[in-house]
Amino acid sequence: MPQPFDASFAKVPERIDPADMLFLDTETTGLAGGTGTRAFMIGVARWHGARFVLSQLTITALAGEAAMLEQLRAWITPATVLGTYNGKSYDAPLLNTRFRLERMSSPLQGLRHIDLLHPVRRRWRAHWPNCKLATTERQLLGVVREDDLPGSQAPAAWLRFLRAGDPTDLYRVLKHNAQDLRSLAGVLSHMVALDQTASGFTPCGGALGHLSDN
């Protein structure tokens, strides 16, 4: 299990137990938000001992949204710390809306939330062309995605699956979502290491330890 870390760099002035982290990323039918936009895929990841475990939910019929949200709620406790990239402005409000429309209480309300976009922007916005996750993972982690389906094509891939049963591009969306989750953990580890180096503290085994998934 990675070591507890100080999350003050993300304006969460607490020591965080990595076992409480839940990385969250959604794939949606649009970027506008509002009641007309839904998350058709929710990916989460967390550390279980030495393992980094990914779980993904996909709506395979329009009536399945409530079941997907119920499963997400089952993964969250009051101690959960969300880890996202732009999740405070997009993923969390969108999911809160979907919970409300399904007349379900949202488990996201009141959770501690590390939105990595904001510390990345504070540190590198003057040096990089932008602070999109694809740029951040390339600059900090050396991740270069191959055969990645652009996010703008994800809604069409899902609709093609619903209407014609063709999962080809939906598998690519799953792959994209899984890499987003791995990158969230990697960026967090990088930011923690930078913060600890600046404070003169380096724990044995590095900041958050080796990242692998199962």
N, C-alpha and C. Protein backbone atom coordinates (compact mmCIF):
# COMPACT_ATOMS: atom_id res chain seq x y z
N MET A 1 0.84 -1.20 0.00
CA MET A 1 0.00 0.00 0.00
C MET A 1 0.87 1.24 0.00
N PRO A 2 0.64 2.22 -0.89
CA PRO A 2 1.38 3.48 -0.86
C PRO A 2 1.26 4.17 0.50
N GLN A 3 2.18 5.12 0.74
CA GLN A 3 2.23 5.80 2.02
C GLN A 3 1.21 6.95 2.09
N PRO A 4 0.68 7.25 3.29
CA PRO A 4 -0.16 8.45 3.45
C PRO A 4 0.60 9.70 3.00
N PHE A 5 -0.15 10.70 2.53
CA PHE A 5 0.51 11.88 1.98
C PHE A 5 -0.28 13.14 2.37
N ASP A 6 0.44 14.25 2.37
CA ASP A 6 -0.16 15.55 2.64
C ASP A 6 -0.74 16.10 1.34
N ALA A 7 -2.03 16.39 1.33
CA ALA A 7 -2.70 16.86 0.11
C ALA A 7 -2.86 18.37 0.06
N SER A 8 -2.06 19.10 0.84
CA SER A 8 -2.18 20.56 0.86
C SER A 8 -1.91 21.17 -0.52
N PHE A 9 -1.07 20.51 -1.33
CA PHE A 9 -0.77 21.03 -2.67
C PHE A 9 -2.04 21.14 -3.51
N ALA A 10 -3.06 20.35 -3.18
CA ALA A 10 -4.34 20.37 -3.89
C ALA A 10 -5.40 21.13 -3.10
N LYS A 11 -4.95 21.90 -2.11
CA LYS A 11 -5.86 22.68 -1.25
C LYS A 11 -6.82 21.77 -0.47
N VAL A 12 -6.34 20.59 -0.14
CA VAL A 12 -7.02 19.70 0.80
C VAL A 12 -6.05 19.55 1.98
N PRO A 13 -6.20 20.37 3.00
CA PRO A 13 -5.18 20.45 4.06
C PRO A 13 -5.26 19.30 5.06
N GLU A 14 -5.07 18.11 4.56
CA GLU A 14 -5.13 16.91 5.40
C GLU A 14 -4.10 15.90 4.92
N ARG A 15 -3.77 14.95 5.82
CA ARG A 15 -3.02 13.78 5.39
C ARG A 15 -4.01 12.75 4.92
N ILE A 16 -3.75 12.21 3.73
CA ILE A 16 -4.69 11.30 3.08
C ILE A 16 -4.13 9.88 3.12
N ASP A 17 -4.97 8.97 3.53
CA ASP A 17 -4.63 7.55 3.44
C ASP A 17 -4.94 7.10 2.02
N PRO A 18 -3.96 6.60 1.26
CA PRO A 18 -4.24 6.18 -0.11
C PRO A 18 -5.34 5.13 -0.22
N ALA A 19 -5.58 4.36 0.84
CA ALA A 19 -6.66 3.38 0.81
C ALA A 19 -8.02 4.04 0.67
N ASP A 20 -8.11 5.34 1.01
CA ASP A 20 -9.38 6.06 0.90
C ASP A 20 -9.58 6.70 -0.47
N MET A 21 -8.53 6.70 -1.32
CA MET A 21 -8.64 7.35 -2.62
C MET A 21 -9.54 6.54 -3.55
N LEU A 22 -10.40 7.25 -4.27
CA LEU A 22 -11.18 6.65 -5.34
C LEU A 22 -11.03 7.54 -6.57
N PHE A 23 -10.23 7.08 -7.53
CA PHE A 23 -10.07 7.83 -8.77
C PHE A 23 -11.31 7.62 -9.63
N LEU A 24 -11.78 8.70 -10.22
CA LEU A 24 -13.06 8.68 -10.93
C LEU A 24 -12.93 9.39 -12.26
N ASP A 25 -13.46 8.75 -13.31
CA ASP A 25 -13.47 9.39 -14.63
C ASP A 25 -14.72 8.92 -15.37
N THR A 26 -15.39 9.84 -16.04
CA THR A 26 -16.62 9.50 -16.77
C THR A 26 -16.42 9.72 -18.26
N GLU A 27 -17.19 8.96 -19.04
CA GLU A 27 -17.34 9.21 -20.47
C GLU A 27 -18.80 9.56 -20.67
N THR A 28 -19.06 10.65 -21.38
CA THR A 28 -20.40 11.22 -21.41
C THR A 28 -20.89 11.48 -22.82
N THR A 29 -22.18 11.80 -22.92
CA THR A 29 -22.80 12.05 -24.22
C THR A 29 -22.55 13.46 -24.73
N GLY A 30 -21.83 14.28 -23.99
CA GLY A 30 -21.52 15.63 -24.43
C GLY A 30 -20.76 16.38 -23.36
N LEU A 31 -20.26 17.55 -23.70
CA LEU A 31 -19.46 18.33 -22.76
C LEU A 31 -20.23 19.50 -22.16
N ALA A 32 -21.46 19.71 -22.61
CA ALA A 32 -22.21 20.88 -22.15
C ALA A 32 -22.71 20.72 -20.73
N GLY A 33 -22.88 19.49 -20.26
CA GLY A 33 -23.46 19.28 -18.94
C GLY A 33 -24.96 19.50 -18.98
N GLY A 34 -25.57 19.67 -17.81
CA GLY A 34 -27.00 19.88 -17.75
C GLY A 34 -27.76 18.57 -17.79
N THR A 35 -29.09 18.66 -17.73
CA THR A 35 -29.91 17.46 -17.60
C THR A 35 -29.92 16.61 -18.86
N GLY A 36 -29.52 17.19 -20.02
CA GLY A 36 -29.52 16.41 -21.25
C GLY A 36 -28.26 15.59 -21.45
N THR A 37 -27.28 15.74 -20.60
CA THR A 37 -26.02 15.00 -20.73
C THR A 37 -25.97 13.90 -19.68
N ARG A 38 -25.63 12.71 -20.11
CA ARG A 38 -25.52 11.60 -19.17
C ARG A 38 -24.14 10.97 -19.29
N ALA A 39 -23.72 10.34 -18.21
CA ALA A 39 -22.50 9.54 -18.23
C ALA A 39 -22.89 8.13 -18.64
N PHE A 40 -22.39 7.69 -19.79
CA PHE A 40 -22.69 6.32 -20.21
C PHE A 40 -21.63 5.34 -19.74
N MET A 41 -20.53 5.86 -19.23
CA MET A 41 -19.47 5.01 -18.68
C MET A 41 -18.86 5.70 -17.46
N ILE A 42 -18.70 4.95 -16.40
CA ILE A 42 -18.03 5.44 -15.20
C ILE A 42 -16.88 4.49 -14.89
N GLY A 43 -15.69 5.05 -14.80
CA GLY A 43 -14.53 4.26 -14.40
C GLY A 43 -14.03 4.72 -13.05
N VAL A 44 -13.67 3.77 -12.21
CA VAL A 44 -13.08 4.08 -10.90
C VAL A 44 -11.85 3.20 -10.72
N ALA A 45 -10.97 3.65 -9.86
CA ALA A 45 -9.78 2.86 -9.53
C ALA A 45 -9.37 3.18 -8.12
N ARG A 46 -8.82 2.18 -7.44
CA ARG A 46 -8.35 2.41 -6.08
C ARG A 46 -7.27 1.39 -5.77
N TRP A 47 -6.52 1.68 -4.71
CA TRP A 47 -5.51 0.74 -4.25
C TRP A 47 -6.14 -0.26 -3.29
N HIS A 48 -5.87 -1.53 -3.54
CA HIS A 48 -6.21 -2.61 -2.61
C HIS A 48 -4.89 -3.29 -2.26
N GLY A 49 -4.33 -2.93 -1.11
CA GLY A 49 -3.01 -3.44 -0.77
C GLY A 49 -2.01 -2.97 -1.79
N ALA A 50 -1.26 -3.89 -2.38
CA ALA A 50 -0.25 -3.53 -3.37
C ALA A 50 -0.84 -3.42 -4.78
N ARG A 51 -2.12 -3.74 -4.94
CA ARG A 51 -2.73 -3.75 -6.26
C ARG A 51 -3.48 -2.44 -6.53
N PHE A 52 -3.44 -2.02 -7.79
CA PHE A 52 -4.22 -0.88 -8.24
C PHE A 52 -5.34 -1.45 -9.11
N VAL A 53 -6.56 -1.37 -8.62
CA VAL A 53 -7.67 -2.11 -9.23
C VAL A 53 -8.61 -1.15 -9.95
N LEU A 54 -8.87 -1.44 -11.22
CA LEU A 54 -9.78 -0.64 -12.04
C LEU A 54 -11.12 -1.36 -12.17
N SER A 55 -12.20 -0.58 -12.11
CA SER A 55 -13.55 -1.10 -12.35
C SER A 55 -14.26 -0.12 -13.28
N GLN A 56 -14.97 -0.66 -14.25
CA GLN A 56 -15.66 0.18 -15.23
C GLN A 56 -17.11 -0.26 -15.38
N LEU A 57 -18.00 0.71 -15.43
CA LEU A 57 -19.42 0.47 -15.63
C LEU A 57 -19.85 1.13 -16.93
N THR A 58 -20.64 0.40 -17.71
CA THR A 58 -21.14 0.94 -18.97
C THR A 58 -22.64 0.66 -19.07
N ILE A 59 -23.39 1.66 -19.48
CA ILE A 59 -24.82 1.46 -19.70
C ILE A 59 -25.00 0.73 -21.03
N THR A 60 -25.60 -0.44 -21.00
CA THR A 60 -25.85 -1.21 -22.22
C THR A 60 -27.30 -1.10 -22.68
N ALA A 61 -28.12 -0.42 -21.90
CA ALA A 61 -29.50 -0.09 -22.27
C ALA A 61 -29.87 1.17 -21.50
N LEU A 62 -30.68 2.02 -22.09
CA LEU A 62 -30.99 3.30 -21.46
C LEU A 62 -31.59 3.13 -20.08
N ALA A 63 -32.28 2.03 -19.85
CA ALA A 63 -32.90 1.80 -18.54
C ALA A 63 -31.89 1.40 -17.48
N GLY A 64 -30.62 1.25 -17.87
CA GLY A 64 -29.62 0.77 -16.93
C GLY A 64 -28.93 1.84 -16.11
N GLU A 65 -29.28 3.10 -16.31
CA GLU A 65 -28.56 4.17 -15.62
C GLU A 65 -28.69 4.07 -14.11
N ALA A 66 -29.87 3.77 -13.61
CA ALA A 66 -30.08 3.71 -12.16
C ALA A 66 -29.20 2.63 -11.53
N ALA A 67 -29.10 1.48 -12.20
CA ALA A 67 -28.27 0.39 -11.68
C ALA A 67 -26.80 0.80 -11.65
N MET A 68 -26.35 1.53 -12.68
CA MET A 68 -24.97 1.99 -12.71
C MET A 68 -24.70 2.96 -11.56
N LEU A 69 -25.60 3.90 -11.34
CA LEU A 69 -25.43 4.86 -10.25
C LEU A 69 -25.47 4.17 -8.89
N GLU A 70 -26.32 3.17 -8.75
CA GLU A 70 -26.39 2.44 -7.49
C GLU A 70 -25.08 1.71 -7.20
N GLN A 71 -24.46 1.15 -8.23
CA GLN A 71 -23.18 0.49 -8.03
C GLN A 71 -22.10 1.50 -7.65
N LEU A 72 -22.11 2.65 -8.30
CA LEU A 72 -21.14 3.68 -7.92
C LEU A 72 -21.33 4.06 -6.46
N ARG A 73 -22.56 4.21 -6.03
CA ARG A 73 -22.83 4.58 -4.64
C ARG A 73 -22.32 3.52 -3.68
N ALA A 74 -22.37 2.25 -4.10
CA ALA A 74 -21.89 1.17 -3.23
C ALA A 74 -20.39 1.21 -3.03
N TRP A 75 -19.67 1.83 -3.96
CA TRP A 75 -18.21 1.91 -3.86
C TRP A 75 -17.73 3.08 -2.99
N ILE A 76 -18.64 3.95 -2.60
CA ILE A 76 -18.27 5.19 -1.91
C ILE A 76 -18.71 5.14 -0.45
N THR A 77 -17.82 5.59 0.43
CA THR A 77 -18.14 5.74 1.85
C THR A 77 -17.87 7.18 2.26
N PRO A 78 -18.30 7.60 3.44
CA PRO A 78 -18.00 8.97 3.87
C PRO A 78 -16.50 9.27 3.96
N ALA A 79 -15.67 8.22 4.07
CA ALA A 79 -14.22 8.43 4.15
C ALA A 79 -13.56 8.54 2.79
N THR A 80 -14.31 8.29 1.73
CA THR A 80 -13.74 8.31 0.37
C THR A 80 -13.19 9.68 0.02
N VAL A 81 -12.03 9.68 -0.63
CA VAL A 81 -11.43 10.90 -1.19
C VAL A 81 -11.44 10.75 -2.71
N LEU A 82 -12.17 11.61 -3.39
CA LEU A 82 -12.21 11.53 -4.85
C LEU A 82 -10.92 12.06 -5.46
N GLY A 83 -10.47 11.39 -6.51
CA GLY A 83 -9.35 11.88 -7.30
C GLY A 83 -9.80 12.00 -8.74
N THR A 84 -9.78 13.22 -9.29
CA THR A 84 -10.29 13.46 -10.63
C THR A 84 -9.39 14.44 -11.37
N TYR A 85 -9.75 14.71 -12.62
CA TYR A 85 -9.10 15.76 -13.40
C TYR A 85 -10.22 16.60 -14.01
N ASN A 86 -10.41 17.78 -13.45
CA ASN A 86 -11.53 18.67 -13.77
C ASN A 86 -12.85 18.12 -13.24
N GLY A 87 -12.79 17.23 -12.28
CA GLY A 87 -13.99 16.60 -11.75
C GLY A 87 -14.85 17.53 -10.91
N LYS A 88 -14.25 18.52 -10.28
CA LYS A 88 -15.07 19.44 -9.48
C LYS A 88 -16.01 20.25 -10.36
N SER A 89 -15.55 20.57 -11.57
CA SER A 89 -16.37 21.39 -12.47
C SER A 89 -17.23 20.57 -13.40
N TYR A 90 -16.83 19.30 -13.66
CA TYR A 90 -17.56 18.53 -14.66
C TYR A 90 -18.13 17.21 -14.15
N ASP A 91 -17.27 16.25 -13.82
CA ASP A 91 -17.75 14.90 -13.50
C ASP A 91 -18.69 14.89 -12.29
N ALA A 92 -18.27 15.52 -11.19
CA ALA A 92 -19.09 15.48 -9.98
C ALA A 92 -20.43 16.19 -10.16
N PRO A 93 -20.46 17.42 -10.71
CA PRO A 93 -21.78 18.05 -10.93
C PRO A 93 -22.67 17.25 -11.87
N LEU A 94 -22.08 16.67 -12.93
CA LEU A 94 -22.89 15.87 -13.85
C LEU A 94 -23.49 14.66 -13.15
N LEU A 95 -22.68 13.97 -12.36
CA LEU A 95 -23.20 12.79 -11.66
C LEU A 95 -24.21 13.19 -10.59
N ASN A 96 -23.98 14.30 -9.91
CA ASN A 96 -24.97 14.77 -8.95
C ASN A 96 -26.32 15.00 -9.63
N THR A 97 -26.29 15.56 -10.83
CA THR A 97 -27.52 15.78 -11.58
C THR A 97 -28.20 14.46 -11.94
N ARG A 98 -27.39 13.49 -12.39
CA ARG A 98 -27.97 12.19 -12.75
C ARG A 98 -28.58 11.49 -11.54
N PHE A 99 -27.92 11.57 -10.39
CA PHE A 99 -28.51 11.01 -9.17
C PHE A 99 -29.83 11.70 -8.85
N ARG A 100 -29.86 13.01 -8.98
CA ARG A 100 -31.09 13.75 -8.66
C ARG A 100 -32.22 13.35 -9.61
N LEU A 101 -31.92 13.22 -10.90
CA LEU A 101 -32.96 12.86 -11.87
C LEU A 101 -33.49 11.45 -11.63
N GLU A 102 -32.65 10.59 -11.07
CA GLU A 102 -33.09 9.24 -10.73
C GLU A 102 -33.71 9.17 -9.33
N ARG A 103 -33.84 10.34 -8.70
CA ARG A 103 -34.41 10.46 -7.35
C ARG A 103 -33.62 9.61 -6.35
N MET A 104 -32.31 9.71 -6.47
CA MET A 104 -31.38 9.03 -5.58
C MET A 104 -30.49 10.07 -4.92
N SER A 105 -30.14 9.85 -3.66
CA SER A 105 -29.21 10.76 -2.99
C SER A 105 -27.81 10.54 -3.56
N SER A 106 -27.10 11.62 -3.75
CA SER A 106 -25.76 11.52 -4.32
C SER A 106 -24.74 11.26 -3.21
N PRO A 107 -23.89 10.24 -3.37
CA PRO A 107 -22.86 9.96 -2.38
C PRO A 107 -21.64 10.87 -2.53
N LEU A 108 -21.65 11.71 -3.56
CA LEU A 108 -20.49 12.58 -3.82
C LEU A 108 -20.51 13.84 -2.98
N GLN A 109 -21.69 14.20 -2.50
CA GLN A 109 -21.84 15.44 -1.74
C GLN A 109 -21.02 15.37 -0.45
N GLY A 110 -20.19 16.39 -0.26
CA GLY A 110 -19.45 16.51 1.00
C GLY A 110 -18.16 15.71 1.07
N LEU A 111 -17.82 14.97 0.01
CA LEU A 111 -16.58 14.20 0.04
C LEU A 111 -15.37 15.11 -0.14
N ARG A 112 -14.25 14.72 0.44
CA ARG A 112 -12.99 15.37 0.12
C ARG A 112 -12.67 15.06 -1.35
N HIS A 113 -12.08 16.03 -2.04
CA HIS A 113 -11.94 15.91 -3.50
C HIS A 113 -10.61 16.51 -3.92
N ILE A 114 -9.74 15.69 -4.47
CA ILE A 114 -8.48 16.16 -5.05
C ILE A 114 -8.67 16.25 -6.56
N ASP A 115 -8.89 17.47 -7.04
CA ASP A 115 -9.02 17.71 -8.48
C ASP A 115 -7.64 18.13 -8.98
N LEU A 116 -6.98 17.23 -9.68
CA LEU A 116 -5.58 17.43 -10.04
C LEU A 116 -5.38 18.52 -11.10
N LEU A 117 -6.44 18.88 -11.82
CA LEU A 117 -6.28 19.94 -12.82
C LEU A 117 -5.76 21.22 -12.18
N HIS A 118 -6.24 21.54 -10.99
CA HIS A 118 -5.92 22.85 -10.40
C HIS A 118 -4.46 22.97 -9.95
N PRO A 119 -3.88 22.00 -9.24
CA PRO A 119 -2.45 22.13 -8.94
C PRO A 119 -1.57 22.04 -10.18
N VAL A 120 -2.00 21.28 -11.19
CA VAL A 120 -1.24 21.24 -12.44
C VAL A 120 -1.24 22.60 -13.10
N ARG A 121 -2.40 23.24 -13.15
CA ARG A 121 -2.48 24.58 -13.74
C ARG A 121 -1.62 25.59 -12.99
N ARG A 122 -1.67 25.54 -11.67
CA ARG A 122 -0.90 26.50 -10.90
C ARG A 122 0.60 26.38 -11.18
N ARG A 123 1.06 25.15 -11.39
CA ARG A 123 2.49 24.93 -11.54
C ARG A 123 2.98 25.08 -12.98
N TRP A 124 2.15 24.68 -13.97
CA TRP A 124 2.68 24.56 -15.33
C TRP A 124 1.93 25.33 -16.41
N ARG A 125 0.88 26.07 -16.07
CA ARG A 125 0.12 26.71 -17.14
C ARG A 125 0.95 27.75 -17.91
N ALA A 126 1.98 28.31 -17.29
CA ALA A 126 2.83 29.29 -17.99
C ALA A 126 3.89 28.62 -18.86
N HIS A 127 4.00 27.30 -18.77
CA HIS A 127 5.08 26.60 -19.46
C HIS A 127 4.59 25.64 -20.54
N TRP A 128 3.34 25.22 -20.46
CA TRP A 128 2.79 24.25 -21.42
C TRP A 128 1.76 24.92 -22.32
N PRO A 129 1.51 24.37 -23.50
CA PRO A 129 0.48 24.97 -24.36
C PRO A 129 -0.91 24.88 -23.78
N ASN A 130 -1.17 23.84 -22.98
CA ASN A 130 -2.44 23.69 -22.27
C ASN A 130 -2.24 22.70 -21.14
N CYS A 131 -3.25 22.52 -20.32
CA CYS A 131 -3.16 21.60 -19.18
C CYS A 131 -4.18 20.48 -19.28
N LYS A 132 -4.52 20.09 -20.51
CA LYS A 132 -5.37 18.93 -20.69
C LYS A 132 -4.68 17.69 -20.13
N LEU A 133 -5.47 16.68 -19.78
CA LEU A 133 -4.88 15.47 -19.21
C LEU A 133 -3.89 14.83 -20.17
N ALA A 134 -4.20 14.84 -21.47
CA ALA A 134 -3.28 14.23 -22.45
C ALA A 134 -1.92 14.94 -22.43
N THR A 135 -1.93 16.26 -22.27
CA THR A 135 -0.67 17.00 -22.19
C THR A 135 0.05 16.71 -20.89
N THR A 136 -0.70 16.68 -19.80
CA THR A 136 -0.11 16.45 -18.47
C THR A 136 0.52 15.07 -18.39
N GLU A 137 -0.18 14.05 -18.87
CA GLU A 137 0.37 12.69 -18.77
C GLU A 137 1.60 12.54 -19.66
N ARG A 138 1.62 13.24 -20.79
CA ARG A 138 2.80 13.18 -21.67
C ARG A 138 3.99 13.89 -21.04
N GLN A 139 3.75 15.06 -20.46
CA GLN A 139 4.83 15.84 -19.87
C GLN A 139 5.38 15.21 -18.60
N LEU A 140 4.50 14.69 -17.76
CA LEU A 140 4.94 14.20 -16.44
C LEU A 140 5.22 12.71 -16.41
N LEU A 141 4.50 11.94 -17.21
CA LEU A 141 4.58 10.48 -17.11
C LEU A 141 5.16 9.83 -18.36
N GLY A 142 5.34 10.61 -19.43
CA GLY A 142 5.85 10.04 -20.67
C GLY A 142 4.84 9.18 -21.39
N VAL A 143 3.55 9.36 -21.11
CA VAL A 143 2.49 8.57 -21.74
C VAL A 143 2.15 9.16 -23.10
N VAL A 144 2.29 8.36 -24.13
CA VAL A 144 1.86 8.73 -25.47
C VAL A 144 0.86 7.67 -25.92
N ARG A 145 -0.36 8.06 -26.09
CA ARG A 145 -1.42 7.09 -26.41
C ARG A 145 -1.38 6.72 -27.88
N GLU A 146 -1.54 5.42 -28.14
CA GLU A 146 -1.61 4.90 -29.50
C GLU A 146 -3.01 4.37 -29.76
N ASP A 147 -3.53 4.65 -30.94
CA ASP A 147 -4.87 4.21 -31.33
C ASP A 147 -5.92 4.63 -30.31
N ASP A 148 -5.75 5.84 -29.78
CA ASP A 148 -6.69 6.34 -28.78
C ASP A 148 -7.89 6.96 -29.48
N LEU A 149 -9.08 6.59 -29.05
CA LEU A 149 -10.29 7.16 -29.63
C LEU A 149 -10.50 8.56 -29.04
N PRO A 150 -10.56 9.60 -29.86
CA PRO A 150 -10.79 10.94 -29.32
C PRO A 150 -12.09 11.00 -28.53
N GLY A 151 -12.08 11.78 -27.45
CA GLY A 151 -13.27 11.88 -26.61
C GLY A 151 -14.49 12.33 -27.36
N SER A 152 -14.29 13.14 -28.39
CA SER A 152 -15.43 13.64 -29.17
C SER A 152 -16.15 12.52 -29.91
N GLN A 153 -15.47 11.39 -30.12
CA GLN A 153 -16.08 10.26 -30.83
C GLN A 153 -16.69 9.23 -29.89
N ALA A 154 -16.49 9.40 -28.59
CA ALA A 154 -17.00 8.41 -27.63
C ALA A 154 -18.53 8.30 -27.65
N PRO A 155 -19.29 9.42 -27.68
CA PRO A 155 -20.75 9.26 -27.71
C PRO A 155 -21.23 8.47 -28.92
N ALA A 156 -20.63 8.70 -30.08
CA ALA A 156 -21.04 7.96 -31.28
C ALA A 156 -20.73 6.48 -31.14
N ALA A 157 -19.60 6.15 -30.49
CA ALA A 157 -19.25 4.75 -30.28
C ALA A 157 -20.28 4.06 -29.40
N TRP A 158 -20.74 4.76 -28.37
CA TRP A 158 -21.74 4.18 -27.47
C TRP A 158 -23.09 4.03 -28.18
N LEU A 159 -23.50 5.05 -28.93
CA LEU A 159 -24.77 4.97 -29.65
C LEU A 159 -24.75 3.87 -30.70
N ARG A 160 -23.60 3.67 -31.33
CA ARG A 160 -23.48 2.60 -32.32
C ARG A 160 -23.64 1.24 -31.65
N PHE A 161 -23.15 1.13 -30.45
CA PHE A 161 -23.33 -0.12 -29.70
C PHE A 161 -24.79 -0.32 -29.34
N LEU A 162 -25.46 0.73 -28.87
CA LEU A 162 -26.87 0.62 -28.49
C LEU A 162 -27.75 0.25 -29.67
N ARG A 163 -27.48 0.87 -30.83
CA ARG A 163 -28.38 0.73 -31.97
C ARG A 163 -28.06 -0.51 -32.82
N ALA A 164 -26.77 -0.82 -32.95
CA ALA A 164 -26.39 -1.90 -33.86
C ALA A 164 -25.68 -3.05 -33.17
N GLY A 165 -25.39 -2.89 -31.88
CA GLY A 165 -24.70 -3.95 -31.15
C GLY A 165 -23.24 -4.08 -31.51
N ASP A 166 -22.67 -3.05 -32.13
CA ASP A 166 -21.26 -3.09 -32.55
C ASP A 166 -20.39 -2.54 -31.42
N PRO A 167 -19.60 -3.40 -30.75
CA PRO A 167 -18.80 -2.93 -29.61
C PRO A 167 -17.39 -2.49 -29.97
N THR A 168 -17.05 -2.48 -31.26
CA THR A 168 -15.65 -2.26 -31.66
C THR A 168 -15.08 -0.98 -31.06
N ASP A 169 -15.73 0.13 -31.33
CA ASP A 169 -15.20 1.40 -30.83
C ASP A 169 -15.50 1.60 -29.34
N LEU A 170 -16.51 0.91 -28.81
CA LEU A 170 -16.78 1.01 -27.38
C LEU A 170 -15.63 0.41 -26.59
N TYR A 171 -15.00 -0.65 -27.11
CA TYR A 171 -13.82 -1.20 -26.46
C TYR A 171 -12.70 -0.16 -26.40
N ARG A 172 -12.60 0.64 -27.45
CA ARG A 172 -11.57 1.70 -27.47
C ARG A 172 -11.90 2.78 -26.43
N VAL A 173 -13.18 3.05 -26.21
CA VAL A 173 -13.57 3.99 -25.16
C VAL A 173 -13.18 3.44 -23.80
N LEU A 174 -13.41 2.14 -23.57
CA LEU A 174 -13.01 1.51 -22.32
C LEU A 174 -11.50 1.62 -22.10
N LYS A 175 -10.75 1.40 -23.16
CA LYS A 175 -9.29 1.52 -23.07
C LYS A 175 -8.88 2.95 -22.74
N HIS A 176 -9.52 3.92 -23.38
CA HIS A 176 -9.25 5.33 -23.11
C HIS A 176 -9.54 5.67 -21.65
N ASN A 177 -10.68 5.22 -21.17
CA ASN A 177 -11.08 5.49 -19.79
C ASN A 177 -10.11 4.86 -18.80
N ALA A 178 -9.67 3.64 -19.09
CA ALA A 178 -8.72 2.97 -18.19
C ALA A 178 -7.40 3.72 -18.13
N GLN A 179 -6.94 4.24 -19.28
CA GLN A 179 -5.69 5.01 -19.26
C GLN A 179 -5.86 6.31 -18.49
N ASP A 180 -7.04 6.93 -18.61
CA ASP A 180 -7.30 8.13 -17.81
C ASP A 180 -7.11 7.83 -16.32
N LEU A 181 -7.64 6.71 -15.87
CA LEU A 181 -7.54 6.36 -14.45
C LEU A 181 -6.10 6.09 -14.04
N ARG A 182 -5.36 5.37 -14.87
CA ARG A 182 -3.95 5.14 -14.56
C ARG A 182 -3.18 6.46 -14.50
N SER A 183 -3.50 7.35 -15.43
CA SER A 183 -2.81 8.63 -15.46
C SER A 183 -3.15 9.49 -14.25
N LEU A 184 -4.39 9.43 -13.78
CA LEU A 184 -4.75 10.16 -12.56
C LEU A 184 -3.87 9.74 -11.40
N ALA A 185 -3.71 8.43 -11.22
CA ALA A 185 -2.86 7.94 -10.13
C ALA A 185 -1.41 8.34 -10.34
N GLY A 186 -0.95 8.28 -11.59
CA GLY A 186 0.43 8.66 -11.87
C GLY A 186 0.68 10.14 -11.64
N VAL A 187 -0.25 10.99 -12.06
CA VAL A 187 -0.09 12.43 -11.85
C VAL A 187 -0.13 12.75 -10.36
N LEU A 188 -1.03 12.11 -9.63
CA LEU A 188 -1.06 12.32 -8.18
C LEU A 188 0.28 11.94 -7.55
N SER A 189 0.81 10.80 -7.91
CA SER A 189 2.09 10.36 -7.37
C SER A 189 3.19 11.36 -7.69
N HIS A 190 3.17 11.88 -8.92
CA HIS A 190 4.18 12.86 -9.32
C HIS A 190 4.05 14.15 -8.50
N MET A 191 2.83 14.62 -8.32
CA MET A 191 2.62 15.85 -7.57
C MET A 191 3.02 15.68 -6.11
N VAL A 192 2.69 14.53 -5.52
CA VAL A 192 3.07 14.27 -4.14
C VAL A 192 4.59 14.25 -4.01
N ALA A 193 5.27 13.60 -4.95
CA ALA A 193 6.73 13.54 -4.91
C ALA A 193 7.35 14.93 -5.01
N LEU A 194 6.81 15.78 -5.90
CA LEU A 194 7.31 17.14 -6.01
C LEU A 194 7.12 17.91 -4.71
N ASP A 195 5.95 17.75 -4.12
CA ASP A 195 5.65 18.45 -2.88
C ASP A 195 6.56 17.99 -1.75
N GLN A 196 6.81 16.69 -1.68
CA GLN A 196 7.67 16.16 -0.63
C GLN A 196 9.13 16.56 -0.84
N THR A 197 9.56 16.62 -2.10
CA THR A 197 10.92 17.07 -2.39
C THR A 197 11.09 18.53 -1.98
N ALA A 198 10.07 19.35 -2.28
CA ALA A 198 10.13 20.77 -1.92
C ALA A 198 10.19 20.96 -0.41
N SER A 199 9.56 20.05 0.33
CA SER A 199 9.55 20.16 1.79
C SER A 199 10.73 19.44 2.43
N GLY A 200 11.56 18.80 1.60
CA GLY A 200 12.73 18.12 2.12
C GLY A 200 12.45 16.76 2.70
N PHE A 201 11.28 16.17 2.35
CA PHE A 201 10.91 14.87 2.91
C PHE A 201 10.71 13.88 1.79
N THR A 202 11.41 12.75 1.84
CA THR A 202 11.23 11.68 0.87
C THR A 202 11.09 10.37 1.61
N PRO A 203 9.90 9.76 1.62
CA PRO A 203 9.70 8.51 2.33
C PRO A 203 10.37 7.35 1.63
N CYS A 204 10.63 6.28 2.35
CA CYS A 204 11.19 5.09 1.76
C CYS A 204 10.22 4.54 0.72
N GLY A 205 10.76 4.15 -0.43
CA GLY A 205 9.91 3.59 -1.47
C GLY A 205 9.25 4.65 -2.34
N GLY A 206 9.60 5.94 -2.16
CA GLY A 206 9.01 6.97 -3.00
C GLY A 206 7.71 7.50 -2.41
N ALA A 207 7.05 8.34 -3.20
CA ALA A 207 5.88 9.05 -2.70
C ALA A 207 4.67 8.14 -2.53
N LEU A 208 4.18 7.58 -3.62
CA LEU A 208 3.02 6.73 -3.53
C LEU A 208 3.32 5.31 -3.99
N GLY A 209 4.58 5.01 -4.17
CA GLY A 209 4.93 3.64 -4.51
C GLY A 209 4.74 3.33 -5.98
N HIS A 210 4.99 2.10 -6.33
CA HIS A 210 4.90 1.65 -7.72
C HIS A 210 3.45 1.47 -8.14
N LEU A 211 3.15 1.95 -9.34
CA LEU A 211 1.79 1.85 -9.85
C LEU A 211 1.67 0.65 -10.76
N SER A 212 0.79 -0.26 -10.40
CA SER A 212 0.45 -1.36 -11.29
C SER A 212 -1.04 -1.61 -11.13
N ASP A 213 -1.66 -2.21 -12.13
CA ASP A 213 -3.09 -2.48 -11.99
C ASP A 213 -3.37 -3.94 -12.24
N ASN A 214 -4.57 -4.33 -11.81
CA ASN A 214 -4.93 -5.74 -11.88
C ASN A 214 -6.33 -5.90 -12.43
